[in-house]
Protein backbone atom coordinates (compact mmCIF):
# COMPACT_ATOMS: atom_id res chain seq x y z
CA MET A 1 2.16 -8.07 5.50
CA PRO A 2 3.16 -11.62 4.70
CA LEU A 3 3.51 -12.58 1.07
CA SER A 4 4.58 -16.08 0.19
CA GLU A 5 6.74 -15.16 -2.76
CA GLU A 6 9.38 -17.87 -3.20
CA TRP A 7 12.29 -15.59 -3.98
CA ASP A 8 15.11 -17.85 -2.90
CA SER A 9 16.98 -19.62 -5.71
CA VAL A 10 14.93 -17.91 -8.42
CA PRO A 11 16.57 -18.27 -11.85
CA ALA A 12 17.14 -15.10 -13.86
CA THR A 13 15.70 -16.61 -17.05
CA THR A 14 13.51 -19.51 -18.12
CA THR A 15 11.56 -20.35 -21.26
CA GLY A 16 8.05 -19.73 -22.50
CA THR A 17 5.92 -16.83 -23.71
CA LEU A 18 2.79 -15.08 -22.53
CA ASP A 19 0.82 -16.18 -25.57
CA HIS A 20 2.24 -19.70 -25.42
CA PRO A 21 3.17 -20.14 -21.76
CA THR A 22 5.08 -23.08 -20.42
CA GLN A 23 3.02 -26.10 -19.43
CA GLU A 24 3.65 -25.35 -15.79
CA THR A 25 0.47 -24.19 -14.06
CA PHE A 26 -0.84 -23.69 -10.56
CA GLU A 27 -4.25 -23.81 -8.94
CA SER A 28 -6.15 -21.16 -7.04
CA THR A 29 -8.29 -22.61 -4.28
CA ASP A 30 -11.03 -21.51 -1.92
CA PRO A 31 -9.33 -21.18 1.51
CA ALA A 32 -12.54 -22.26 3.26
CA SER A 33 -13.30 -25.43 1.30
CA GLY A 34 -10.15 -26.15 -0.67
CA ALA A 35 -12.18 -26.22 -3.90
CA VAL A 36 -10.23 -25.34 -7.03
CA LEU A 37 -11.36 -22.00 -8.44
CA GLY A 38 -9.10 -21.89 -11.47
CA VAL A 39 -5.86 -23.03 -13.06
CA PHE A 40 -3.36 -20.36 -14.08
CA PRO A 41 -0.11 -20.36 -16.05
CA VAL A 42 3.24 -19.75 -14.40
CA HIS A 43 4.57 -16.92 -16.55
CA ASP A 44 8.35 -17.08 -16.79
CA ALA A 45 10.94 -14.41 -17.59
CA ALA A 46 10.40 -14.64 -21.35
CA ALA A 47 6.64 -14.30 -20.99
CA VAL A 48 6.96 -11.40 -18.56
CA GLY A 49 9.41 -9.73 -20.93
CA GLU A 50 6.92 -9.97 -23.77
CA ALA A 51 4.22 -8.43 -21.63
CA VAL A 52 6.49 -5.52 -20.73
CA THR A 53 7.42 -5.04 -24.39
CA ARG A 54 3.76 -4.81 -25.37
CA ALA A 55 3.15 -2.48 -22.44
CA ARG A 56 5.87 -0.11 -23.67
CA ALA A 57 4.12 0.27 -27.01
CA ALA A 58 0.75 0.68 -25.30
CA ALA A 59 2.22 3.26 -22.89
CA GLU A 60 3.11 5.54 -25.80
CA GLN A 61 -0.48 5.45 -27.07
CA TRP A 62 -1.84 5.87 -23.56
CA ALA A 63 0.37 8.87 -22.80
CA ALA A 64 -0.51 10.46 -26.15
CA LEU A 65 -4.19 10.57 -25.16
CA GLY A 66 -3.43 13.33 -22.66
CA PHE A 67 -5.14 13.86 -19.34
CA ALA A 68 -8.62 14.29 -20.81
CA GLY A 69 -8.44 11.16 -22.96
CA ARG A 70 -7.14 9.07 -20.09
CA ARG A 71 -9.75 10.42 -17.70
CA THR A 72 -12.54 9.36 -20.08
CA ARG A 73 -11.21 5.82 -20.32
CA LEU A 74 -10.52 5.54 -16.60
CA ALA A 75 -14.15 6.58 -16.06
CA ALA A 76 -15.23 3.75 -18.37
CA TYR A 77 -13.14 1.31 -16.35
CA ARG A 78 -14.55 2.68 -13.10
CA GLY A 79 -18.07 2.30 -14.45
CA HIS A 80 -17.42 -1.31 -15.41
CA LEU A 81 -16.17 -2.10 -11.91
CA ALA A 82 -19.16 -0.38 -10.33
CA ARG A 83 -21.66 -2.25 -12.51
CA HIS A 84 -20.06 -5.61 -11.77
CA VAL A 85 -19.23 -4.98 -8.12
CA HIS A 86 -21.18 -7.99 -6.80
CA GLU A 87 -19.59 -10.31 -9.32
CA LEU A 88 -16.13 -9.18 -8.27
CA ALA A 89 -17.04 -9.27 -4.57
CA ASP A 90 -18.21 -12.85 -4.92
CA LEU A 91 -14.89 -13.78 -6.52
CA VAL A 92 -12.95 -12.04 -3.73
CA HIS A 93 -15.06 -13.89 -1.16
CA ARG A 94 -14.35 -17.26 -2.76
CA GLU A 95 -10.64 -16.75 -3.46
CA ASN A 96 -9.63 -14.66 -0.43
CA GLY A 97 -12.17 -15.93 2.10
CA LYS A 98 -13.43 -12.60 3.44
CA PRO A 99 -17.18 -12.02 3.80
CA HIS A 100 -19.01 -10.72 0.74
CA ALA A 101 -19.92 -7.47 2.54
CA ASP A 102 -16.27 -6.77 3.40
CA ALA A 103 -15.31 -7.46 -0.22
CA LEU A 104 -17.92 -4.92 -1.34
CA LEU A 105 -16.41 -2.32 0.99
CA GLU A 106 -12.93 -3.01 -0.38
CA ILE A 107 -14.04 -2.67 -4.00
CA THR A 108 -16.03 0.49 -3.28
CA LEU A 109 -12.95 2.15 -1.79
CA ALA A 110 -10.90 1.13 -4.83
CA VAL A 111 -13.46 2.63 -7.21
CA ASP A 112 -13.45 5.87 -5.22
CA HIS A 113 -9.65 6.09 -5.50
CA LEU A 114 -9.83 5.38 -9.23
CA ALA A 115 -12.25 8.29 -9.61
CA TRP A 116 -10.03 10.65 -7.63
CA ALA A 117 -6.89 9.75 -9.54
CA GLY A 118 -8.51 10.35 -12.91
CA ALA A 119 -10.07 13.63 -11.84
CA HIS A 120 -6.94 15.14 -10.24
CA ALA A 121 -4.14 14.00 -12.54
CA ARG A 122 -4.06 17.12 -14.71
CA ARG A 123 -4.08 19.54 -11.78
CA THR A 124 -1.33 17.60 -9.99
CA LEU A 125 0.93 16.65 -12.87
CA GLY A 126 0.26 19.14 -15.66
CA PRO A 127 2.69 21.90 -16.69
CA ARG A 128 2.87 24.94 -14.46
CA ARG A 129 5.00 28.05 -14.31
CA VAL A 130 7.67 28.42 -11.64
CA ASN A 131 9.31 31.60 -10.39
CA PRO A 132 12.80 31.61 -11.99
CA GLY A 133 14.42 33.63 -9.21
CA LEU A 134 16.88 36.51 -9.40
CA LEU A 135 19.75 34.90 -11.31
CA ALA A 136 17.48 33.59 -14.08
CA ALA A 137 15.03 36.49 -14.15
CA ASN A 138 15.28 36.65 -17.95
CA HIS A 139 14.06 33.06 -18.25
CA ALA A 140 10.66 31.44 -18.07
CA ALA A 141 10.65 28.32 -15.89
CA SER A 142 8.13 25.50 -15.92
CA LEU A 143 7.62 22.15 -14.22
CA GLU A 144 5.64 19.12 -15.29
CA TYR A 145 5.48 15.45 -14.33
CA GLN A 146 5.93 12.93 -17.10
CA PRO A 147 4.99 9.23 -17.01
CA LEU A 148 7.65 6.59 -16.48
CA GLY A 149 6.38 4.36 -19.27
CA VAL A 150 5.65 0.95 -17.74
CA VAL A 151 5.03 0.35 -14.05
CA GLY A 152 5.27 -3.14 -12.58
CA VAL A 153 2.94 -3.91 -9.67
CA ILE A 154 3.31 -6.91 -7.35
CA GLY A 155 0.17 -7.17 -5.25
CA PRO A 156 -0.89 -8.94 -2.05
CA TRP A 157 -3.66 -11.42 -1.32
CA ASN A 158 -5.25 -9.83 1.77
CA TYR A 159 -6.87 -6.91 -0.10
CA PRO A 160 -6.52 -8.15 -3.68
CA VAL A 161 -8.49 -5.25 -5.21
CA PHE A 162 -7.99 -2.19 -3.02
CA THR A 163 -4.27 -2.49 -2.33
CA PRO A 164 -2.93 -3.10 -5.85
CA MET A 165 -5.42 -0.59 -7.25
CA GLY A 166 -3.70 2.03 -5.07
CA SER A 167 -0.74 1.64 -7.42
CA ILE A 168 -2.56 0.67 -10.62
CA ALA A 169 -5.09 3.53 -10.60
CA TYR A 170 -2.54 6.23 -9.87
CA ALA A 171 0.02 4.82 -12.31
CA LEU A 172 -2.60 4.72 -15.08
CA ALA A 173 -3.85 8.21 -14.31
CA ALA A 174 -0.26 9.46 -14.48
CA GLY A 175 0.02 8.12 -18.04
CA ASN A 176 1.76 4.78 -17.52
CA ALA A 177 0.93 1.29 -18.69
CA VAL A 178 0.88 -1.39 -15.97
CA VAL A 179 1.98 -5.01 -15.78
CA PHE A 180 0.40 -6.49 -12.66
CA LYS A 181 1.43 -9.68 -10.91
CA PRO A 182 -1.24 -10.58 -8.35
CA SER A 183 -0.44 -12.83 -5.43
CA GLU A 184 -0.37 -16.52 -6.28
CA PHE A 185 -3.20 -16.84 -3.74
CA THR A 186 -5.52 -14.46 -5.64
CA PRO A 187 -4.70 -14.79 -9.35
CA ALA A 188 -8.37 -15.00 -10.32
CA VAL A 189 -9.06 -11.57 -8.86
CA GLY A 190 -6.05 -10.08 -10.65
CA SER A 191 -7.06 -11.68 -13.94
CA TRP A 192 -10.62 -10.38 -13.50
CA LEU A 193 -9.32 -6.81 -13.11
CA ALA A 194 -7.34 -7.10 -16.35
CA GLU A 195 -10.29 -8.62 -18.21
CA ALA A 196 -12.48 -5.79 -16.93
CA TRP A 197 -10.00 -3.30 -18.37
CA ARG A 198 -10.12 -4.99 -21.78
CA ALA A 199 -13.92 -4.91 -21.68
CA ALA A 200 -14.05 -1.23 -20.73
CA VAL A 201 -11.17 0.01 -22.93
CA PRO A 202 -10.99 -2.50 -25.79
CA GLU A 203 -8.94 -0.23 -28.04
CA LEU A 204 -5.99 -0.30 -25.58
CA PRO A 205 -5.97 -3.80 -24.08
CA ASP A 206 -2.25 -3.85 -23.27
CA VAL A 207 -2.31 -0.78 -21.04
CA LEU A 208 -3.17 -3.09 -18.13
CA GLN A 209 -1.88 -6.66 -18.31
CA VAL A 210 -1.63 -9.44 -15.75
CA VAL A 211 1.07 -12.07 -15.38
CA THR A 212 0.56 -14.91 -12.92
CA GLY A 213 2.88 -17.10 -10.94
CA SER A 214 4.91 -17.14 -7.77
CA GLY A 215 8.36 -15.83 -6.87
CA GLY A 216 9.95 -16.51 -10.25
CA THR A 217 7.33 -14.41 -12.01
CA GLY A 218 7.76 -11.57 -9.54
CA ALA A 219 11.53 -11.67 -9.88
CA ALA A 220 11.22 -11.61 -13.67
CA LEU A 221 9.04 -8.51 -13.47
CA CYS A 222 11.66 -6.82 -11.30
CA ARG A 223 14.33 -7.56 -13.92
CA ALA A 224 12.21 -6.74 -16.98
CA GLY A 225 13.27 -3.09 -17.17
CA VAL A 226 10.03 -1.46 -16.04
CA GLY A 227 10.13 2.23 -15.14
CA LYS A 228 9.22 1.51 -11.53
CA LEU A 229 8.21 -1.48 -9.43
CA ALA A 230 5.48 -1.08 -6.81
CA PHE A 231 5.52 -3.89 -4.25
CA THR A 232 3.18 -4.79 -1.39
CA GLY A 233 4.16 -7.57 0.97
CA SER A 234 6.45 -8.39 3.85
CA ALA A 235 9.62 -6.45 4.60
CA ALA A 236 11.66 -9.64 4.15
CA THR A 237 10.33 -10.22 0.65
CA GLY A 238 10.59 -6.50 -0.04
CA ARG A 239 14.35 -6.65 0.50
CA LYS A 240 14.59 -9.42 -2.10
CA VAL A 241 12.47 -7.37 -4.50
CA MET A 242 14.78 -4.39 -4.00
CA ALA A 243 17.85 -6.55 -4.63
CA ALA A 244 16.38 -7.86 -7.90
CA CYS A 245 15.41 -4.34 -9.00
CA ALA A 246 18.87 -3.06 -8.15
CA GLU A 247 20.31 -5.18 -10.96
CA THR A 248 18.73 -2.80 -13.47
CA LEU A 249 18.58 0.29 -11.20
CA THR A 250 14.80 0.06 -11.27
CA PRO A 251 13.28 2.37 -8.65
CA VAL A 252 10.88 0.80 -6.19
CA LEU A 253 7.90 1.69 -4.03
CA MET A 254 7.58 -0.45 -0.90
CA GLU A 255 4.32 -1.02 0.98
CA CYS A 256 5.26 -3.47 3.71
CA GLY A 257 3.86 -4.75 7.00
CA GLY A 258 2.88 -3.17 10.27
CA LYS A 259 2.54 -3.85 13.97
CA ASP A 260 0.09 -1.05 14.36
CA ALA A 261 -0.37 0.55 17.75
CA MET A 262 -3.39 2.24 19.29
CA ILE A 263 -3.10 4.59 22.27
CA VAL A 264 -6.20 4.87 24.47
CA ASP A 265 -5.94 7.95 26.67
CA ASP A 266 -7.52 8.73 30.05
CA ASP A 267 -10.49 10.61 28.61
CA ALA A 268 -11.14 8.41 25.59
CA ASP A 269 -14.58 7.07 24.74
CA VAL A 270 -13.88 3.52 25.91
CA VAL A 271 -16.75 1.87 24.07
CA ALA A 272 -15.86 3.56 20.78
CA ALA A 273 -12.16 2.82 21.24
CA ALA A 274 -12.89 -0.83 21.98
CA GLY A 275 -15.10 -1.12 18.90
CA ALA A 276 -12.42 0.43 16.72
CA ALA A 277 -9.72 -1.84 18.15
CA VAL A 278 -11.86 -4.93 17.56
CA TRP A 279 -12.64 -3.93 13.99
CA GLY A 280 -9.06 -2.85 13.29
CA GLY A 281 -7.64 -6.04 14.76
CA MET A 282 -10.17 -8.69 13.75
CA SER A 283 -11.70 -7.68 10.41
CA ASN A 284 -10.43 -9.66 7.43
CA ALA A 285 -9.26 -12.25 9.99
CA GLY A 286 -6.66 -9.73 11.14
CA GLN A 287 -4.96 -9.87 7.75
CA THR A 288 -4.61 -6.12 7.42
CA CYS A 289 -1.21 -4.43 7.29
CA ILE A 290 -2.72 -1.22 8.71
CA GLY A 291 -4.87 -3.09 11.24
CA ILE A 292 -4.47 -2.77 15.00
CA GLU A 293 -2.29 -5.43 16.64
CA ARG A 294 -1.25 -3.83 19.94
CA VAL A 295 -3.08 -1.42 22.23
CA TYR A 296 -1.65 0.77 24.98
CA ALA A 297 -4.42 1.80 27.38
CA THR A 298 -3.72 4.14 30.27
CA SER A 299 -4.28 2.94 33.85
CA ALA A 300 -7.35 5.17 34.11
CA VAL A 301 -9.23 3.21 31.44
CA TYR A 302 -7.36 -0.11 31.15
CA ASP A 303 -9.73 -2.35 33.10
CA ARG A 304 -12.85 -0.92 31.45
CA PHE A 305 -11.23 -1.10 28.03
CA VAL A 306 -10.19 -4.76 28.40
CA ALA A 307 -13.66 -5.65 29.66
CA GLU A 308 -15.35 -3.85 26.76
CA VAL A 309 -13.08 -5.38 24.13
CA THR A 310 -13.67 -8.85 25.60
CA ARG A 311 -17.43 -8.23 25.58
CA GLN A 312 -17.45 -7.12 21.94
CA VAL A 313 -15.17 -9.95 20.81
CA ALA A 314 -17.62 -12.46 22.28
CA ASP A 315 -20.01 -11.57 19.45
CA LEU A 316 -17.53 -12.46 16.71
CA ARG A 317 -17.36 -15.78 14.91
CA PRO A 318 -15.09 -16.90 12.09
CA GLY A 319 -16.55 -19.00 9.30
CA SER A 320 -17.42 -19.22 5.62
CA ASP A 321 -21.19 -18.80 5.91
CA GLU A 322 -23.07 -15.54 5.40
CA GLN A 323 -23.41 -14.91 9.14
CA ALA A 324 -19.68 -15.26 9.87
CA THR A 325 -17.86 -12.17 11.11
CA TYR A 326 -14.71 -12.96 9.18
CA GLY A 327 -13.33 -15.79 7.09
CA PRO A 328 -10.43 -18.23 7.23
CA MET A 329 -6.77 -17.36 6.96
CA THR A 330 -6.12 -16.97 3.25
CA MET A 331 -2.72 -18.62 3.60
CA ALA A 332 -2.81 -21.85 5.57
CA SER A 333 0.79 -21.27 6.64
CA GLN A 334 -0.19 -18.04 8.38
CA THR A 335 -1.92 -20.06 11.09
CA ASP A 336 1.53 -21.34 12.08
CA VAL A 337 2.67 -17.75 12.68
CA VAL A 338 -0.39 -17.07 14.82
CA ARG A 339 0.20 -20.26 16.86
CA ARG A 340 3.84 -19.35 17.38
CA HIS A 341 2.96 -15.90 18.66
CA LEU A 342 0.25 -17.24 20.96
CA ASP A 343 2.62 -19.83 22.38
CA ASP A 344 5.34 -17.25 22.91
CA ALA A 345 2.94 -14.85 24.62
CA ARG A 346 1.81 -17.58 27.03
CA ALA A 347 5.36 -18.75 27.71
CA ALA A 348 6.41 -15.18 28.48
CA GLY A 349 3.68 -14.81 31.11
CA GLY A 350 0.91 -13.37 28.98
CA ARG A 351 -2.71 -14.28 29.61
CA VAL A 352 -5.42 -15.09 27.08
CA ALA A 353 -8.44 -12.99 28.03
CA THR A 354 -10.53 -14.64 25.32
CA GLY A 355 -9.97 -16.87 22.29
CA GLY A 356 -6.53 -18.33 21.75
CA THR A 357 -7.57 -21.32 19.65
CA VAL A 358 -6.74 -22.28 16.07
CA GLU A 359 -8.91 -24.87 14.34
CA GLY A 360 -8.05 -25.67 10.76
CA GLY A 361 -7.80 -22.40 8.86
CA TYR A 362 -9.84 -20.49 11.42
CA VAL A 363 -8.38 -18.48 14.28
CA ALA A 364 -10.68 -17.50 17.13
CA PRO A 365 -10.79 -13.78 17.92
CA THR A 366 -8.10 -13.47 20.57
CA VAL A 367 -7.29 -10.88 23.22
CA LEU A 368 -3.97 -11.13 25.06
CA VAL A 369 -3.03 -9.17 28.19
CA ASP A 370 0.09 -8.93 30.39
CA VAL A 371 2.28 -9.81 27.43
CA PRO A 372 5.89 -8.57 27.82
CA GLU A 373 7.06 -6.12 25.18
CA THR A 374 9.85 -8.56 24.25
CA SER A 375 7.43 -11.28 23.15
CA THR A 376 7.14 -11.93 19.42
CA ALA A 377 3.40 -11.40 19.87
CA VAL A 378 4.32 -7.72 20.38
CA THR A 379 7.46 -7.30 18.30
CA GLU A 380 6.53 -9.16 15.10
CA GLU A 381 3.60 -8.79 12.74
CA THR A 382 1.05 -11.49 13.61
CA PHE A 383 -1.37 -10.89 10.73
CA GLY A 384 -4.16 -12.72 12.48
CA PRO A 385 -7.26 -11.80 14.54
CA THR A 386 -5.36 -11.06 17.74
CA LEU A 387 -4.89 -8.03 19.98
CA THR A 388 -2.37 -7.45 22.75
CA ILE A 389 -3.51 -4.91 25.33
CA ALA A 390 -0.97 -3.38 27.67
CA ARG A 391 -1.46 -1.11 30.68
CA VAL A 392 0.58 2.12 30.60
CA ALA A 393 0.83 4.91 33.17
CA ASP A 394 -0.16 7.60 30.69
CA ALA A 395 -0.32 8.44 27.01
CA GLU A 396 3.34 9.45 26.97
CA GLU A 397 4.38 5.94 28.01
CA GLY A 398 2.03 4.59 25.36
CA LEU A 399 3.72 6.81 22.80
CA ARG A 400 7.18 5.58 23.79
CA ARG A 401 6.10 1.96 23.46
CA ALA A 402 4.26 2.59 20.21
CA ASN A 403 7.38 4.15 18.72
CA ALA A 404 9.72 1.40 19.94
CA THR A 405 9.43 -0.57 16.71
CA SER A 406 10.87 -0.61 13.21
CA LEU A 407 7.32 -0.58 11.81
CA GLY A 408 5.34 2.63 11.48
CA LEU A 409 1.50 2.76 11.42
CA SER A 410 -0.86 3.84 14.24
CA SER A 411 -4.01 5.40 15.76
CA VAL A 412 -4.97 7.44 18.84
CA PHE A 413 -8.12 7.65 20.96
CA SER A 414 -8.49 10.68 23.20
CA GLY A 415 -11.19 13.09 24.36
CA SER A 416 -8.86 16.04 23.78
CA THR A 417 -8.43 16.99 20.15
CA ALA A 418 -5.32 19.06 20.83
CA LYS A 419 -3.65 16.25 22.77
CA ALA A 420 -4.64 13.64 20.23
CA VAL A 421 -3.21 15.68 17.37
CA ASP A 422 0.00 16.24 19.33
CA LEU A 423 0.35 12.50 19.97
CA ALA A 424 -0.47 11.69 16.35
CA ARG A 425 2.22 14.04 15.09
CA ARG A 426 4.82 12.50 17.38
CA MET A 427 3.98 8.91 16.54
CA ARG A 428 6.63 7.40 14.30
CA SER A 429 4.25 6.49 11.53
CA GLY A 430 3.37 7.48 8.01
CA MET A 431 -0.35 7.65 8.84
CA THR A 432 -2.39 8.06 12.01
CA SER A 433 -6.14 8.09 12.62
CA ILE A 434 -7.62 9.90 15.61
CA ASN A 435 -10.70 8.40 17.28
CA SER A 436 -11.02 5.91 14.44
CA VAL A 437 -8.97 3.24 12.70
CA LEU A 438 -7.87 2.82 9.07
CA THR A 439 -9.66 6.02 8.02
CA PHE A 440 -6.62 7.49 6.31
CA ALA A 441 -6.80 4.71 3.73
CA SER A 442 -10.30 5.74 2.66
CA VAL A 443 -9.44 9.39 1.92
CA PRO A 444 -8.27 9.52 -1.71
CA ALA A 445 -6.52 12.88 -1.30
CA LEU A 446 -4.25 11.62 1.49
CA PRO A 447 -0.94 9.85 0.77
CA PHE A 448 -0.73 6.26 2.00
CA GLY A 449 2.46 4.66 3.26
CA GLY A 450 4.58 3.80 6.25
CA VAL A 451 8.03 4.49 7.65
CA GLY A 452 10.88 2.18 8.63
CA ASP A 453 10.20 -1.46 7.86
CA SER A 454 6.65 -0.53 6.87
CA GLY A 455 8.07 0.78 3.62
CA PHE A 456 8.70 3.97 1.70
CA GLY A 457 7.14 5.87 -1.15
CA ARG A 458 3.48 6.83 -1.28
CA ILE A 459 0.34 5.78 -3.09
CA HIS A 460 -2.96 7.72 -3.09
CA GLY A 461 -3.40 11.47 -3.33
CA ALA A 462 -1.20 13.92 -5.19
CA ASP A 463 1.90 12.23 -3.77
CA GLY A 464 0.67 8.93 -5.19
CA LEU A 465 0.26 10.43 -8.66
CA ARG A 466 3.74 11.97 -8.56
CA GLU A 467 5.18 8.65 -7.34
CA PHE A 468 4.66 7.21 -10.82
CA THR A 469 6.21 10.09 -12.75
CA ARG A 470 9.51 11.87 -13.28
CA ALA A 471 9.72 15.60 -12.66
CA LYS A 472 10.63 17.49 -15.83
CA ALA A 473 12.09 21.00 -15.45
CA ILE A 474 12.26 23.35 -18.44
CA THR A 475 13.73 26.84 -18.71
CA ARG A 476 13.36 29.15 -21.72
CA GLN A 477 15.28 32.36 -22.22
CA ARG A 478 12.84 35.20 -22.83
CA PHE A 479 15.45 37.86 -23.57
CA PRO A 480 19.27 38.09 -23.28
CA LEU A 481 20.90 40.00 -20.43
CA PRO A 482 23.45 42.75 -21.14
CA VAL A 483 25.98 40.67 -19.23
CA ASP A 484 25.86 36.88 -19.58
CA LEU A 485 27.23 35.48 -16.33
CA MET A 486 27.36 31.97 -17.77
CA SER A 487 29.92 32.83 -20.41
CA PHE A 488 33.69 32.97 -20.67
CA ARG A 489 33.19 36.43 -22.20
CA ARG A 490 31.72 37.97 -19.06
CA PRO A 491 33.55 41.04 -17.69
CA ALA A 492 36.14 40.36 -14.98
CA ALA A 493 34.22 42.41 -12.42
CA ALA A 494 30.86 40.74 -13.06
CA ALA A 495 31.20 38.13 -10.33
CA ASP A 496 32.18 40.73 -7.72
CA THR A 497 29.24 42.90 -8.73
CA LEU A 498 26.93 39.91 -8.36
CA ALA A 499 28.33 39.19 -4.89
CA ARG A 500 27.62 42.79 -3.80
CA VAL A 501 24.05 42.52 -5.09
CA MET A 502 23.58 39.29 -3.13
CA GLY A 503 24.88 41.03 -0.03
CA VAL A 504 22.36 43.85 -0.42
CA VAL A 505 19.44 41.52 -1.14
CA HIS A 506 20.16 38.70 1.30
CA GLY A 507 22.85 39.87 3.68
CA ARG A 508 20.50 41.90 5.88
CA HIS A 509 18.49 38.86 6.93
CA ARG A 510 19.67 36.90 9.95
């Protein structure tokens, strides 16, 4: 997903502190009206460093609470979010532009994930016994997952609550403190989340802190010596984040963009598939990294599918009023990307079945057909309310085209469960929904993440909890063996005896 972090020519250090920031500020505006929603400080390297220092001290207190103590406080935070959901949704609507109802859905999903993370942290990360095996049979072995200390999170603007909370909630549940840099397009939402934490858990205010700014602030967070940096944004910016983190060997989690494919098979429910494609491609003005951007419909259903999608799209209308289907592009510059892709699709011989216009910050819901696979409208992430629909001979051709990309996210529509599951497994993607779209993101127990240029590492689920920890292995000798193989005093024949035992135990198996 695009993220307008200005990473080029970012200085390694500047001046200022978090408590007494530099005089440099920036404004957050309503993308629909341009009205200023707030003025925020540009936190520089010194200010970010101070925040991380405070977070380290807070992390020790937070970790010392144990799973039960953290779960209680995460429940308090969750309760605060739930009680103020409309207040937060209104802020998301004004700062991001999405309809209030869609903001409510986003926040509800985030609260559900917060609940899951708090409830499952002990079971996933707590100490457990491990079979020591034959060579260490006289030892007890155990495994546990320990927090990293401080986790840095750089979040996006398209889902300013749900997406960063996928890292924040799981990092907190795992015992870490968090320093969160929201997108410069949604700093008010990020600041609200931190203020909500302080209201819900006033005794540990520094466990979740927010720093605001653009690329310089993000780069400073990468270089501040956090235990891990979780980033959501474009692959191009992700590479710059990784380079900055490499200076201090800071591990990273990358949640990057997608050019998500849907396969519509011969026996698919065409009406349901069309509805899912329209929602997956057009909701949030198409600004969804796991949204549908390209569809491969088999010849058996192609004409009906295009007709049904076109019919359903006719009912959509962008705007900022309560009746609007979706809002404006959050980033004005993103309309230039959409225009470029539309122009390239037309120039390459593609046809606009409906839509195709850009007026101000609003992009009409657009369906493109007959677009060559080489067009940027197919090969690059558009991140706007557009769909390309291509005719394929069968689902296997659709699979080949879906996989012919460096990005990895997808969905399948088919009347055959067995075939759909087979296709889903063979799709080069970290997540796939069958006969639905985006559903994997709403299941807290499932890991979330892509492959290739869509990123690496996982948030959500048990994998998401472990992502923000280090595995700690411990062995304890229970009793000494008559012959200590790990000693210079072992008998000369001990190794040969061990080899014969291995041959008896394992040599029979082929």
